Protein backbone atom coordinates (compact mmCIF):
# COMPACT_ATOMS: atom_id res chain seq x y z
CA MET A 1 70.28 70.73 166.83
CA VAL A 2 69.30 71.34 170.90
CA LYS A 3 69.29 75.08 171.55
CA LYS A 4 70.25 76.55 175.11
CA ARG A 5 66.83 77.55 176.46
CA ASP A 6 65.46 74.06 176.05
CA TRP A 7 67.76 73.15 178.10
CA GLU A 8 67.28 75.37 180.48
CA ARG A 9 63.43 74.91 180.38
CA ALA A 10 64.17 71.31 181.70
CA ARG A 11 65.96 71.54 184.46
CA ARG A 12 62.83 73.95 185.18
CA LEU A 13 60.22 71.17 185.13
CA THR A 14 59.29 69.26 188.55
CA PRO A 15 60.77 65.87 188.73
CA GLU A 16 57.44 64.30 188.13
CA ILE A 17 56.84 65.60 184.70
CA LEU A 18 60.10 65.39 183.71
CA SER A 19 59.94 61.55 184.66
CA LEU A 20 56.22 61.37 182.35
CA ALA A 21 58.52 62.86 179.47
CA PHE A 22 61.62 60.84 179.54
CA ASP A 23 58.62 57.45 179.54
CA ALA A 24 56.64 59.10 176.53
CA LEU A 25 60.32 60.00 174.85
CA GLU A 26 61.13 56.18 174.81
CA GLU A 27 57.42 55.74 173.30
CA MET A 28 58.07 58.06 170.52
CA ARG A 29 61.42 56.37 170.03
CA ALA A 30 60.15 53.26 169.79
CA GLY A 31 57.89 54.52 166.51
CA ARG A 32 54.65 54.90 168.83
CA PRO A 33 52.46 58.13 166.99
CA VAL A 34 53.49 61.57 169.39
CA ALA A 35 49.68 62.34 170.29
CA GLU A 36 49.16 58.34 171.54
CA ALA A 37 52.59 58.92 173.77
CA ILE A 38 51.27 62.16 175.56
CA ARG A 39 47.72 60.35 176.17
CA ARG A 40 49.58 57.06 178.04
CA HIS A 41 51.37 59.96 180.07
CA PRO A 42 48.75 62.35 181.53
CA LEU A 43 49.35 64.82 184.09
CA PRO A 44 47.40 65.23 186.95
CA ASP A 45 45.88 68.28 185.67
CA GLY A 46 46.28 68.26 181.68
CA HIS A 47 49.05 66.73 179.47
CA LEU A 48 52.72 67.05 178.22
CA SER A 49 53.06 70.21 175.99
CA LYS A 50 55.19 69.96 173.50
CA ALA A 51 57.61 72.15 174.88
CA ALA A 52 58.14 70.01 178.01
CA LEU A 53 58.51 67.08 175.88
CA VAL A 54 61.19 69.60 173.86
CA ALA A 55 63.25 70.53 176.94
CA ALA A 56 62.94 66.69 177.89
CA TYR A 57 64.90 65.71 175.08
CA SER A 58 67.56 68.59 175.67
CA GLN A 59 67.83 67.44 178.99
CA LEU A 60 68.85 63.39 177.70
CA VAL A 61 71.04 64.76 174.93
CA GLN A 62 72.76 67.51 177.21
CA SER A 63 73.43 64.40 179.45
CA GLY A 64 74.87 62.41 177.13
CA GLU A 65 72.06 59.35 177.90
CA TRP A 66 70.96 59.66 173.87
CA ASP A 67 72.96 60.68 170.66
CA ASP A 68 71.15 64.13 168.92
CA ASP A 69 68.29 62.46 166.86
CA PRO A 70 67.09 65.09 164.36
CA THR A 71 63.98 63.33 162.90
CA LEU A 72 63.06 62.32 166.49
CA LEU A 73 63.35 66.06 167.44
CA ALA A 74 60.48 67.36 164.21
CA ARG A 75 58.12 64.98 165.41
CA ILE A 76 58.35 66.13 168.74
CA ARG A 77 58.18 70.13 168.11
CA LEU A 78 56.02 69.75 164.58
CA LYS A 79 52.08 70.58 164.67
CA PRO A 80 51.29 71.07 160.99
CA MET A 81 48.37 71.75 160.86
CA ARG A 82 48.53 74.93 162.04
CA THR A 83 50.25 76.14 159.25
CA LEU A 84 49.37 73.91 156.62
CA SER A 85 47.68 76.97 155.08
CA GLY A 86 51.01 78.24 154.14
CA VAL A 87 51.77 80.73 156.76
CA THR A 88 52.17 81.17 160.27
CA THR A 89 49.29 83.00 162.08
CA VAL A 90 50.29 85.27 165.05
CA THR A 91 47.06 87.48 166.69
CA ALA A 92 47.88 90.57 169.21
CA LEU A 93 45.29 92.06 171.20
CA THR A 94 44.51 95.33 171.48
CA LYS A 95 44.40 97.33 174.67
CA PRO A 96 40.90 98.11 176.74
CA TYR A 97 38.96 101.13 174.47
CA PRO A 98 35.62 102.23 174.80
CA CYS A 99 33.32 101.16 171.72
CA PRO A 100 31.52 102.85 169.82
CA GLY A 101 28.87 99.45 169.56
CA LYS A 102 26.21 98.89 172.30
CA CYS A 103 25.74 95.24 170.66
CA ILE A 104 23.50 93.69 173.42
CA PHE A 105 25.43 90.26 173.07
CA CYS A 106 29.11 91.12 174.04
CA PRO A 107 29.85 90.43 176.59
CA GLU A 108 32.05 93.77 179.16
CA ASP A 109 34.87 93.44 180.91
CA ILE A 110 36.53 96.12 182.42
CA ARG A 111 40.11 94.52 181.62
CA MET A 112 39.49 93.64 177.80
CA PRO A 113 38.34 95.57 175.06
CA LYS A 114 35.16 94.73 174.07
CA SER A 115 33.55 91.77 173.41
CA TYR A 116 36.43 89.91 174.83
CA LEU A 117 36.84 88.41 178.19
CA PRO A 118 40.05 87.57 179.65
CA ASP A 119 39.98 83.43 179.56
CA GLU A 120 39.53 83.17 175.98
CA PRO A 121 42.86 81.72 174.25
CA GLY A 122 44.11 84.46 172.53
CA ALA A 123 43.08 86.97 174.81
CA MET A 124 44.36 85.41 177.76
CA ARG A 125 48.06 85.84 176.26
CA GLY A 126 47.36 89.78 175.42
CA LEU A 127 46.45 90.09 179.20
CA GLU A 128 49.35 88.01 180.12
CA HIS A 129 51.67 90.84 178.56
CA ALA A 130 49.31 93.98 179.85
CA PHE A 131 48.35 94.24 175.83
CA ASP A 132 52.14 95.11 174.69
CA PRO A 133 52.23 94.35 171.34
CA TYR A 134 55.82 94.05 171.23
CA ALA A 135 55.57 91.07 173.78
CA GLN A 136 52.91 89.56 172.65
CA VAL A 137 54.30 88.88 169.15
CA ARG A 138 58.03 87.75 170.09
CA SER A 139 55.84 85.65 172.58
CA ARG A 140 53.93 84.02 170.38
CA LEU A 141 56.97 83.45 167.72
CA GLU A 142 59.62 82.22 170.49
CA THR A 143 56.25 79.57 171.18
CA LEU A 144 55.60 78.64 168.07
CA GLY A 145 59.67 78.36 167.20
CA GLN A 146 60.05 75.71 169.91
CA VAL A 147 57.61 73.38 168.26
CA GLY A 148 58.45 73.43 165.30
CA HIS A 149 56.38 75.68 163.09
CA PRO A 150 58.33 78.00 160.65
CA THR A 151 58.25 81.77 161.87
CA ASP A 152 59.26 83.40 158.42
CA LYS A 153 55.98 83.96 156.72
CA ILE A 154 53.74 85.52 159.68
CA GLU A 155 50.17 86.83 158.69
CA LEU A 156 49.25 89.42 161.60
CA LEU A 157 45.74 90.10 163.11
CA ILE A 158 44.95 92.65 165.54
CA LEU A 159 42.23 91.90 167.00
CA GLY A 160 40.43 94.11 170.19
CA GLY A 161 37.08 95.36 169.25
CA THR A 162 36.65 97.93 166.77
CA PHE A 163 40.21 99.14 165.16
CA SER A 164 38.63 102.06 163.51
CA SER A 165 37.76 103.64 167.12
CA TYR A 166 41.21 103.97 168.90
CA ARG A 167 43.33 107.03 168.53
CA ARG A 168 45.29 107.14 165.34
CA ASP A 169 48.37 107.59 167.00
CA TYR A 170 47.78 104.57 169.45
CA GLN A 171 47.33 101.94 166.09
CA GLU A 172 50.50 103.53 164.18
CA TRP A 173 52.42 102.63 167.45
CA PHE A 174 50.89 99.38 167.93
CA VAL A 175 51.72 98.08 164.08
CA ARG A 176 55.30 100.01 164.61
CA ARG A 177 55.45 98.01 167.72
CA CYS A 178 54.57 94.41 166.16
CA PHE A 179 56.82 95.40 162.98
CA ASP A 180 59.56 95.71 165.16
CA ALA A 181 58.78 91.91 167.00
CA MET A 182 59.03 91.16 163.38
CA ASN A 183 61.85 92.62 162.61
CA SER A 184 63.75 91.46 166.15
CA SER A 185 64.17 95.18 166.56
CA ARG A 186 65.47 96.41 169.83
CA ALA A 187 62.90 96.82 172.88
CA LEU A 188 62.42 100.36 172.69
CA VAL A 189 60.87 101.52 169.27
CA ASP A 190 62.41 105.12 167.36
CA GLU A 191 59.29 106.76 167.56
CA LYS A 192 61.59 108.72 164.35
CA ALA A 193 61.80 106.42 162.67
CA ALA A 194 59.11 106.49 159.19
CA MET A 195 56.72 103.72 158.57
CA ARG A 196 57.85 103.38 155.50
CA ASP A 197 61.79 102.62 157.04
CA ILE A 198 59.88 99.66 159.61
CA HIS A 199 58.18 98.36 156.37
CA LEU A 200 61.57 98.30 154.54
CA ALA A 201 62.86 96.31 156.84
CA ASN A 202 60.61 93.88 157.13
CA GLU A 203 61.26 93.03 153.79
CA SER A 204 64.59 91.32 154.29
CA ALA A 205 63.56 90.17 158.14
CA ALA A 206 63.58 87.04 160.10
CA HIS A 207 60.03 87.06 160.51
CA ARG A 208 58.09 88.91 157.19
CA ASN A 209 54.79 90.06 156.60
CA VAL A 210 52.47 88.53 154.45
CA GLY A 211 49.38 89.76 155.80
CA LEU A 212 47.98 92.19 158.27
CA ALA A 213 44.47 92.22 159.31
CA VAL A 214 42.25 94.49 161.49
CA GLU A 215 38.69 94.21 162.89
CA THR A 216 36.07 97.24 162.53
CA ARG A 217 32.88 97.67 161.91
CA PRO A 218 30.82 98.64 159.01
CA ASP A 219 29.90 102.52 159.38
CA GLU A 220 33.65 103.04 159.98
CA ILE A 221 34.67 102.64 156.56
CA THR A 222 35.82 105.60 154.24
CA PRO A 223 38.25 106.19 151.63
CA ASP A 224 40.70 107.98 154.06
CA GLU A 225 40.34 104.99 156.09
CA LEU A 226 41.24 102.94 153.66
CA ALA A 227 44.55 105.32 152.71
CA TRP A 228 45.37 104.97 156.84
CA PHE A 229 45.06 101.25 156.72
CA ARG A 230 47.50 101.28 153.84
CA TYR A 231 50.01 103.79 155.32
CA LEU A 232 50.14 101.27 158.10
CA GLY A 233 50.29 97.90 156.13
CA VAL A 234 47.05 96.58 156.08
CA THR A 235 45.90 93.68 153.62
CA LYS A 236 42.44 92.18 155.16
CA VAL A 237 39.64 93.89 156.99
CA GLN A 238 37.40 92.04 159.48
CA LEU A 239 33.50 93.31 159.80
CA GLY A 240 31.09 92.35 162.09
CA ALA A 241 27.86 91.86 159.46
CA GLN A 242 26.13 90.02 162.30
CA SER A 243 23.11 89.66 160.21
CA LEU A 244 21.49 90.88 156.86
CA ASP A 245 17.97 91.80 157.80
CA ASP A 246 18.17 95.44 159.70
CA ARG A 247 15.02 94.60 161.39
CA ILE A 248 17.56 92.55 163.76
CA LEU A 249 20.26 94.84 163.58
CA GLU A 250 18.03 96.81 165.11
CA MET A 251 16.84 94.65 167.86
CA ASN A 252 20.31 93.48 169.11
CA ARG A 253 21.55 97.54 168.70
CA ARG A 254 24.41 97.20 166.17
CA GLY A 255 24.15 100.94 165.75
CA HIS A 256 24.45 100.50 161.28
CA ARG A 257 22.12 99.07 158.82
CA VAL A 258 22.54 96.88 155.78
CA ALA A 259 23.28 99.43 153.34
CA ASP A 260 25.82 100.58 155.61
CA LEU A 261 27.62 97.18 154.78
CA ARG A 262 27.11 96.79 151.20
CA ARG A 263 28.77 100.54 150.89
CA ALA A 264 31.58 99.32 153.02
CA VAL A 265 32.30 96.08 151.55
CA ALA A 266 32.17 97.74 147.90
CA LEU A 267 34.80 100.16 149.28
CA LEU A 268 36.80 98.11 150.18
CA ARG A 269 36.89 96.09 147.82
CA ALA A 270 37.61 98.73 145.54
CA GLY A 271 40.56 99.22 147.33
CA GLY A 272 42.50 95.91 146.68
CA PHE A 273 41.32 94.61 151.01
CA LYS A 274 39.93 91.16 151.33
CA VAL A 275 36.63 91.01 153.36
CA VAL A 276 35.92 89.06 156.10
CA LEU A 277 32.62 89.25 157.99
CA HIS A 278 31.37 87.54 160.77
CA TRP A 279 27.60 86.55 160.57
CA MET A 280 25.84 85.69 164.25
CA PRO A 281 22.98 83.44 163.94
CA ASN A 282 20.83 82.97 167.05
CA LEU A 283 20.41 86.84 167.05
CA LEU A 284 17.58 88.45 169.05
CA GLY A 285 14.42 88.29 166.79
CA ALA A 286 15.98 85.33 164.75
CA THR A 287 15.03 82.18 164.11
CA LEU A 288 16.18 78.98 162.93
CA GLU A 289 14.11 79.59 159.70
CA SER A 290 15.39 83.14 159.03
CA ASP A 291 18.72 82.37 159.82
CA ARG A 292 18.18 80.29 157.10
CA VAL A 293 17.07 82.99 154.62
CA ASP A 294 19.83 85.85 156.15
CA PHE A 295 22.85 83.46 155.24
CA LEU A 296 22.05 83.54 151.30
CA ARG A 297 21.94 87.22 151.50
CA LEU A 298 25.47 87.02 152.31
CA TRP A 299 26.42 85.71 148.85
CA GLN A 300 23.13 88.42 147.54
CA GLU A 301 24.60 91.32 149.43
CA ALA A 302 28.14 91.33 150.48
CA CYS A 303 30.38 88.20 148.30
CA PRO A 304 32.79 87.92 151.37
CA ASP A 305 36.25 86.26 150.15
CA GLU A 306 36.13 84.70 153.74
CA ILE A 307 33.63 84.66 157.01
CA LYS A 308 33.67 83.31 160.51
CA ILE A 309 30.41 82.18 161.50
CA TYR A 310 30.02 82.81 165.34
CA PRO A 311 26.39 81.78 166.74
CA THR A 312 25.04 84.14 169.55
CA GLN A 313 26.01 82.73 172.99
CA LEU A 314 24.38 83.63 176.32
CA LEU A 315 26.36 85.50 178.37
CA ALA A 316 26.11 86.91 182.21
CA GLY A 317 25.72 90.24 182.48
CA THR A 318 24.74 91.02 179.26
CA GLU A 319 21.31 92.67 178.05
CA LEU A 320 20.78 89.79 176.14
CA HIS A 321 20.47 87.83 179.45
CA THR A 322 17.63 90.56 180.71
CA HIS A 323 15.84 89.68 177.47
CA TRP A 324 16.19 85.85 178.52
CA GLU A 325 15.01 86.35 181.88
CA LYS A 326 12.35 87.93 180.39
CA GLY A 327 11.72 85.05 179.03
CA GLU A 328 12.04 87.23 174.59
CA TYR A 329 14.97 84.92 173.87
CA VAL A 330 15.76 81.35 173.38
CA PRO A 331 19.35 80.10 172.88
CA TYR A 332 19.52 77.06 170.22
CA THR A 333 20.52 73.64 170.97
CA THR A 334 23.69 72.42 170.21
CA GLY A 335 21.45 70.06 167.47
CA GLU A 336 19.79 72.85 166.34
CA LEU A 337 23.06 74.93 165.76
CA VAL A 338 24.70 71.48 163.85
CA ASP A 339 21.65 70.95 161.67
CA LEU A 340 22.09 74.49 160.97
CA ILE A 341 24.98 75.00 160.02
CA ALA A 342 25.37 71.75 158.11
CA ASP A 343 22.85 73.27 155.78
CA ILE A 344 23.82 76.30 155.26
CA LYS A 345 27.62 75.11 154.49
CA THR A 346 26.62 73.64 151.07
CA ALA A 347 25.61 77.84 150.05
CA ILE A 348 28.84 78.76 150.46
CA PRO A 349 30.30 79.83 146.83
CA ARG A 350 33.92 78.50 145.99
CA TYR A 351 35.52 81.63 146.58
CA CYS A 352 35.34 81.65 150.06
CA ARG A 353 36.88 80.64 153.20
CA VAL A 354 34.96 79.62 155.89
CA ASN A 355 37.81 80.49 159.27
CA ARG A 356 35.43 79.42 161.78
CA VAL A 357 31.74 77.86 162.65
CA ILE A 358 32.56 79.19 166.70
CA ARG A 359 33.72 81.23 169.04
CA ASP A 360 36.01 79.56 171.29
CA ILE A 361 34.25 81.19 174.73
CA PRO A 362 34.91 78.88 177.63
CA SER A 363 32.01 76.93 178.64
CA PRO A 364 31.45 78.33 182.10
CA HIS A 365 30.65 81.77 180.36
CA VAL A 366 27.59 80.36 178.49
CA VAL A 367 24.59 80.34 180.86
CA GLU A 368 22.11 78.32 178.40
CA GLY A 369 22.58 76.80 175.05
CA ASN A 370 25.64 75.48 172.83
CA ARG A 371 28.56 75.17 175.05
CA ARG A 372 30.62 73.22 172.25
CA THR A 373 33.40 74.00 171.45
CA SER A 374 34.31 71.29 168.65
CA LEU A 375 31.63 72.55 166.54
CA ARG A 376 32.84 72.49 163.09
CA GLN A 377 33.70 68.78 163.82
CA ASP A 378 30.57 68.27 164.60
CA VAL A 379 29.24 70.14 161.73
CA GLN A 380 31.61 68.09 159.31
CA MET A 381 30.62 64.31 160.59
CA GLU A 382 27.27 65.51 160.12
CA MET A 383 27.76 66.60 156.40
CA GLU A 384 29.29 63.24 156.08
CA SER A 385 26.52 61.00 157.58
CA ARG A 386 23.90 63.04 154.99
CA GLY A 387 26.63 62.96 152.29
CA THR A 388 26.75 66.76 151.74
CA ARG A 389 29.89 68.65 150.88
CA CYS A 390 31.05 72.47 151.79
CA ASN A 391 32.71 73.73 149.21
CA CYS A 392 34.50 76.30 150.67
CA ILE A 393 38.19 77.09 150.35
CA ARG A 394 39.18 75.78 153.76
CA CYS A 395 37.27 72.60 153.24
CA ARG A 396 39.46 71.61 150.08
CA GLU A 397 42.87 73.49 150.67
CA VAL A 398 45.62 70.88 149.56
CA GLY A 399 46.98 70.34 152.71
CA GLY A 400 49.49 68.37 153.57
CA HIS A 401 48.87 66.05 149.94
CA LYS A 402 51.44 65.75 147.44
CA VAL A 403 50.91 67.88 144.66
CA ASP A 404 52.40 67.85 140.95
CA ALA A 405 52.17 70.71 140.14
CA ALA A 406 52.23 70.02 136.40
CA VAL A 407 48.97 68.48 135.92
CA LEU A 408 46.75 70.89 138.05
CA ARG A 409 44.09 72.51 136.26
CA LEU A 410 43.54 76.27 136.20
CA GLU A 411 39.67 77.22 136.70
CA CYS A 412 38.62 80.74 136.92
CA LEU A 413 35.07 81.61 138.57
CA VAL A 414 33.62 84.67 137.73
CA TYR A 415 30.97 86.75 139.95
CA HIS A 416 30.31 90.23 140.46
CA PRO A 417 29.59 91.70 143.45
CA GLY A 418 28.26 95.84 143.64
CA GLY A 419 30.77 97.74 141.32
CA THR A 420 33.75 94.45 140.46
CA GLU A 421 33.79 91.62 138.25
CA GLU A 422 35.57 89.40 140.21
CA HIS A 423 37.98 86.14 138.67
CA PHE A 424 38.68 83.78 141.10
CA LEU A 425 41.32 82.15 139.98
CA SER A 426 43.03 79.01 141.19
CA PHE A 427 44.76 76.09 140.29
CA VAL A 428 42.95 72.34 141.61
CA THR A 429 43.79 69.05 141.77
CA GLY A 430 42.02 65.60 139.96
CA GLU A 431 40.77 65.76 143.70
CA ASP A 432 39.17 69.01 143.53
CA ARG A 433 41.84 70.00 146.46
CA ILE A 434 42.94 73.44 145.92
CA ALA A 435 46.92 74.00 145.70
CA GLY A 436 46.49 77.81 144.77
CA PHE A 437 44.08 81.09 144.02
CA LEU A 438 44.09 84.64 142.91
CA ARG A 439 41.52 86.92 143.56
CA LEU A 440 41.59 89.79 140.77
CA SER A 441 39.13 92.82 140.94
CA LEU A 442 38.38 94.28 137.90
CA PRO A 443 36.46 97.65 138.74
CA ALA A 444 33.20 98.11 136.67
CA GLU A 445 31.22 101.10 136.20
CA GLY A 446 30.58 102.71 138.64
CA PRO A 447 32.73 101.00 141.57
CA PRO A 448 32.85 104.00 144.66
CA PRO A 449 35.89 106.13 144.98
CA THR A 450 39.04 105.67 146.76
CA GLY A 451 40.81 108.60 145.78
CA LEU A 452 43.70 106.42 145.81
CA ASP A 453 46.01 107.40 142.77
CA ASP A 454 47.43 103.78 142.18
CA LEU A 455 44.70 102.18 140.86
CA VAL A 456 43.09 104.57 138.91
CA GLU A 457 43.20 102.72 135.32
CA ALA A 458 44.48 99.49 137.46
CA ALA A 459 43.02 96.03 137.78
CA ILE A 460 43.61 94.93 141.24
CA VAL A 461 45.45 91.51 142.52
CA ARG A 462 43.80 91.38 146.28
CA GLU A 463 45.28 87.60 146.64
CA LEU A 464 47.62 85.71 146.21
CA HIS A 465 47.97 82.32 147.98
CA VAL A 466 49.68 79.24 147.84
CA PHE A 467 48.57 76.24 149.68
CA GLY A 468 51.15 73.03 151.84
CA GLN A 469 52.44 73.10 154.81
CA ALA A 470 54.00 76.09 155.06
CA LEU A 471 58.28 76.63 153.63
CA GLY A 472 61.17 78.95 155.04
CA VAL A 473 61.86 80.79 152.23
CA GLY A 474 63.71 79.59 149.37
CA GLN A 475 62.77 76.35 150.62
CA ASP A 476 61.75 73.30 148.75
CA GLN A 477 60.41 70.11 149.38
CA ALA A 478 59.05 66.98 147.15
CA GLY A 479 55.15 67.15 146.22
CA ALA A 480 55.01 70.58 147.84
CA ALA A 481 52.43 73.13 146.50
CA GLN A 482 54.45 76.11 147.66
CA HIS A 483 57.41 77.57 145.73
CA THR A 484 56.72 75.39 142.55
CA GLY A 485 56.16 78.25 139.75
CA LEU A 486 52.19 78.41 140.53
CA GLY A 487 51.92 81.61 142.39
CA THR A 488 54.01 82.99 138.85
CA ARG A 489 51.48 81.06 136.89
CA LEU A 490 47.83 82.50 138.85
CA LEU A 491 49.67 86.43 138.37
CA ALA A 492 50.70 85.63 134.01
CA GLU A 493 47.24 84.73 133.78
CA ALA A 494 45.87 87.62 136.01
CA GLU A 495 47.84 90.03 133.67
CA ARG A 496 46.62 88.10 130.72
CA VAL A 497 42.89 88.93 131.58
CA ALA A 498 43.65 92.21 132.94
CA SER A 499 45.61 93.17 129.19
CA GLY A 500 43.00 91.70 127.33
CA ARG A 501 39.87 93.83 129.32
CA GLY A 502 41.74 96.98 128.49
CA TYR A 503 43.69 97.92 131.86
CA ARG A 504 46.40 99.94 131.70
CA ASN A 505 47.86 98.45 135.04
CA LEU A 506 47.98 95.71 137.27
CA ALA A 507 47.54 96.66 141.05
CA VAL A 508 48.72 94.50 144.19
CA ILE A 509 47.59 94.75 147.24
CA ALA A 510 51.19 93.70 149.00
CA ALA A 511 51.68 93.01 152.43
CA VAL A 512 54.98 93.89 153.75
CA GLY A 513 56.91 91.15 153.16
CA THR A 514 55.78 89.50 150.45
CA ARG A 515 56.84 93.24 148.60
CA PRO A 516 60.21 91.52 147.09
CA TYR A 517 58.34 88.64 145.56
CA TYR A 518 55.89 90.92 143.63
CA LEU A 519 58.90 93.61 142.58
CA GLU A 520 61.16 90.25 140.95
CA ARG A 521 58.50 90.23 138.53
CA GLY A 522 58.02 93.28 137.33
CA PHE A 523 56.08 95.42 139.46
CA GLU A 524 57.17 98.60 140.49
CA ARG A 525 56.48 100.70 144.24
CA GLY A 526 53.86 102.96 143.92
CA ASN A 527 52.46 105.49 146.64
CA LEU A 528 50.29 102.49 148.70
CA TYR A 529 50.52 99.83 146.23
CA LEU A 530 53.10 97.57 144.24
CA VAL A 531 52.05 98.27 140.43
CA LYS A 532 52.79 96.46 136.95
CA PRO A 533 52.40 98.22 133.44
CA LEU A 534 50.99 95.97 131.03
CA ARG A 535 51.57 96.03 127.69
CA ASP A 536 49.00 96.81 124.70
């Protein structure tokens, strides 16, 4: 259905853009693929945006030249890859603020939080909205909606350096304003409203929060920080590991040791949080061979749930740039990086997801070394030519493929990071594509004390995720993995395993917007978690 705002937007487009959009739309209506039609009608400085096409389509319908065609409109709007993991991600950037880190590779721009540049895609939105959390989230929700993405299940990523270093009153205000945006609340936050009331409103909001991630440093993680994160609604924590070698960490002035990382990851896991680690090849002092060895330490020292591979990029104005000028540092070439990552990706366990293999820093900032932001695709092509494969979750996600839930097989991968026994339960297809999974943590003897009462004598569901194109709450689609009961089946298996091992309770670190799902399945509200008593 044509929306008024699309018509208003069309009136603001230049005649040149409208003419190109009309021509492209005619070809799409005749059956030409959307991407091909866009390529055939380039702008002088880029290409037609989906928003421009939707606006032009709206003008054609409003003027009576075309009849409304919902199928064509859906083709124009939807870019399904962004939501094939089952949720829609929205990023908000915190304001510039001092970071306790002194890393030699980090860029510093007084307009930005440390390590971010003003023309990075996600960071640009933060700067554009003066780092206002409400404006960032509302703008992103509107943009995603305009191009056809479902926005009722939102994973919120709060980025901007070390979140834990900000004052707690700012952290709480920032999270409140993000929830106000998802709750479609008025623009001025009610400062007296309790956080629990804001969360409660989101349980039935139009844009439900199904995950909340923050990024911080290993040396900032304490039991008190875990409780604070849960108060805010955090379910996932990103940590900059960068290296698993104390010598390399010291040379690059990270300010923490590998022991701090081990302790932080163990504490986060004991609290039920999903753990994302950033790993950086090509740091000062590293070599291609030492990086291959270092990468393997990730699975001996930490066993992260997700990783981001961020090759070090040589940027002007950094202390690393000074080392380069003295001849003390040599960036890897693109070819060397492709070979390295193609080698190490084969070692990634099936329980881990690789979120990124390059940071999207615009090439003009890179002094020397790799400038390609398509490194993931380059690595994938290299692995295909070698006949090797990556078994990480992202490479095996079912995506847009149809799923017959009746013939999926249940797999259980057990591994033993420090202090816990982890069960990675997953439903996979005959082609080894993963349709859904659950992370079950069974605390063993000697896990770090968290001080969280909800977790006493409890096994913990750290994550439950079903893949496929994101569907609206309550929607069904033939052959889609979502909403076919896979989540309920995975929970039942988790209960069976936990009960058989003698745990009295099953706790879940439920995101705010997912609480109704678990409450409907017998869980009860605890202090900071949802808890279900297990039968003897």
